[in-house]
C-alpha atoms as a PDB file:
ATOM      1  CA  MET A   1      48.566  44.676 -10.304  1.00  0.00           C
ATOM      2  CA  SER A   2      46.784  47.653 -12.000  1.00  0.00           C
ATOM      3  CA  LEU A   3      45.744  47.562 -15.609  1.00  0.00           C
ATOM      4  CA  ILE A   4      46.026  51.159 -15.848  1.00  0.00           C
ATOM      5  CA  PRO A   5      49.466  52.931 -16.517  1.00  0.00           C
ATOM      6  CA  ARG A   6      50.948  54.396 -13.560  1.00  0.00           C
ATOM      7  CA  PRO A   7      50.965  58.086 -15.123  1.00  0.00           C
ATOM      8  CA  ILE A   8      47.307  57.639 -15.779  1.00  0.00           C
ATOM      9  CA  GLU A   9      46.433  56.076 -12.457  1.00  0.00           C
ATOM     10  CA  SER A  10      48.006  59.125 -10.703  1.00  0.00           C
ATOM     11  CA  LEU A  11      45.788  61.548 -12.434  1.00  0.00           C
ATOM     12  CA  PHE A  12      42.821  59.626 -11.291  1.00  0.00           C
ATOM     13  CA  LYS A  13      43.594  59.419  -7.721  1.00  0.00           C
ATOM     14  CA  PRO A  14      42.745  63.114  -6.934  1.00  0.00           C
ATOM     15  CA  VAL A  15      39.489  62.803  -8.782  1.00  0.00           C
ATOM     16  CA  ALA A  16      38.428  59.894  -6.885  1.00  0.00           C
ATOM     17  CA  LYS A  17      39.216  61.275  -3.738  1.00  0.00           C
ATOM     18  CA  ARG A  18      37.113  64.383  -4.311  1.00  0.00           C
ATOM     19  CA  ALA A  19      34.303  61.865  -5.431  1.00  0.00           C
ATOM     20  CA  LEU A  20      34.345  60.037  -2.262  1.00  0.00           C
ATOM     21  CA  LEU A  21      34.497  63.059  -0.200  1.00  0.00           C
ATOM     22  CA  THR A  22      31.581  64.408  -2.222  1.00  0.00           C
ATOM     23  CA  TRP A  23      29.788  61.299  -1.600  1.00  0.00           C
ATOM     24  CA  GLU A  24      30.243  61.529   2.184  1.00  0.00           C
ATOM     25  CA  ILE A  25      28.857  65.212   1.936  1.00  0.00           C
ATOM     26  CA  LEU A  26      25.636  64.088   0.167  1.00  0.00           C
ATOM     27  CA  GLU A  27      25.177  61.137   2.491  1.00  0.00           C
ATOM     28  CA  SER A  28      25.964  62.842   5.888  1.00  0.00           C
ATOM     29  CA  GLY A  29      26.523  66.598   5.489  1.00  0.00           C
ATOM     30  CA  VAL A  30      30.145  66.200   6.628  1.00  0.00           C
ATOM     31  CA  SER A  31      33.153  64.993   4.843  1.00  0.00           C
ATOM     32  CA  PHE A  32      36.236  63.716   6.860  1.00  0.00           C
ATOM     33  CA  ASP A  33      39.510  63.741   5.096  1.00  0.00           C
ATOM     34  CA  LEU A  34      42.026  62.349   7.669  1.00  0.00           C
ATOM     35  CA  THR A  35      45.062  63.537   5.242  1.00  0.00           C
ATOM     36  CA  SER A  36      44.004  67.220   4.860  1.00  0.00           C
ATOM     37  CA  GLU A  37      46.350  69.799   6.021  1.00  0.00           C
ATOM     38  CA  SER A  38      43.693  71.409   8.292  1.00  0.00           C
ATOM     39  CA  VAL A  39      42.593  68.274  10.012  1.00  0.00           C
ATOM     40  CA  LEU A  40      46.181  67.224  10.651  1.00  0.00           C
ATOM     41  CA  ALA A  41      46.913  70.558  12.104  1.00  0.00           C
ATOM     42  CA  ASP A  42      43.909  70.821  14.501  1.00  0.00           C
ATOM     43  CA  PRO A  43      41.598  67.829  14.335  1.00  0.00           C
ATOM     44  CA  TYR A  44      39.314  68.924  17.052  1.00  0.00           C
ATOM     45  CA  PRO A  45      36.908  71.348  15.136  1.00  0.00           C
ATOM     46  CA  MET A  46      36.303  68.387  12.744  1.00  0.00           C
ATOM     47  CA  TYR A  47      35.695  66.105  15.578  1.00  0.00           C
ATOM     48  CA  ARG A  48      33.301  68.501  17.016  1.00  0.00           C
ATOM     49  CA  LEU A  49      31.360  68.909  13.627  1.00  0.00           C
ATOM     50  CA  LEU A  50      31.177  64.845  13.380  1.00  0.00           C
ATOM     51  CA  ARG A  51      29.881  64.791  16.771  1.00  0.00           C
ATOM     52  CA  GLU A  52      27.052  67.229  16.109  1.00  0.00           C
ATOM     53  CA  LYS A  53      26.143  66.152  12.523  1.00  0.00           C
ATOM     54  CA  ASP A  54      26.907  62.659  12.138  1.00  0.00           C
ATOM     55  CA  PRO A  55      28.336  61.012  15.162  1.00  0.00           C
ATOM     56  CA  ILE A  56      28.476  57.438  13.429  1.00  0.00           C
ATOM     57  CA  HIS A  57      30.126  58.502  10.154  1.00  0.00           C
ATOM     58  CA  ARG A  58      31.110  56.338   7.268  1.00  0.00           C
ATOM     59  CA  MET A  59      34.522  57.272   5.987  1.00  0.00           C
ATOM     60  CA  ARG A  60      34.598  56.439   2.354  1.00  0.00           C
ATOM     61  CA  LEU A  61      38.344  57.325   1.749  1.00  0.00           C
ATOM     62  CA  VAL A  62      39.444  54.656   4.160  1.00  0.00           C
ATOM     63  CA  ASP A  63      36.268  52.501   3.909  1.00  0.00           C
ATOM     64  CA  GLY A  64      35.545  52.479   7.624  1.00  0.00           C
ATOM     65  CA  TRP A  65      33.557  54.260  10.261  1.00  0.00           C
ATOM     66  CA  ALA A  66      34.291  57.183  12.758  1.00  0.00           C
ATOM     67  CA  LEU A  67      32.444  56.995  15.859  1.00  0.00           C
ATOM     68  CA  THR A  68      32.729  60.215  18.051  1.00  0.00           C
ATOM     69  CA  ARG A  69      30.301  59.614  21.017  1.00  0.00           C
ATOM     70  CA  TYR A  70      31.444  57.422  24.125  1.00  0.00           C
ATOM     71  CA  ASP A  71      28.101  55.582  24.359  1.00  0.00           C
ATOM     72  CA  ASP A  72      28.392  54.367  20.603  1.00  0.00           C
ATOM     73  CA  VAL A  73      31.962  53.394  21.076  1.00  0.00           C
ATOM     74  CA  GLU A  74      31.231  51.337  24.096  1.00  0.00           C
ATOM     75  CA  GLN A  75      28.330  49.914  22.458  1.00  0.00           C
ATOM     76  CA  VAL A  76      30.330  48.695  19.378  1.00  0.00           C
ATOM     77  CA  LEU A  77      33.054  47.319  21.726  1.00  0.00           C
ATOM     78  CA  LEU A  78      30.613  45.457  23.896  1.00  0.00           C
ATOM     79  CA  ASP A  79      28.853  43.825  20.848  1.00  0.00           C
END
């Protein structure tokens, strides 16, 4: 249960999202927002950008990783 009242909490979410995406850009030069309309409409340009700039990308919004090269995915699955 959050200690912050719900109306105030809803104001912080967009700010927190922008902060996490900015952090991603500073770390890797790329931010990957799975929920953005442009990525949902056509994710392939973002996949290409990730593969070129940061093939093992830390996604701060979902606290996870995006691997975009076959060899990297294979290595993780075999480890």
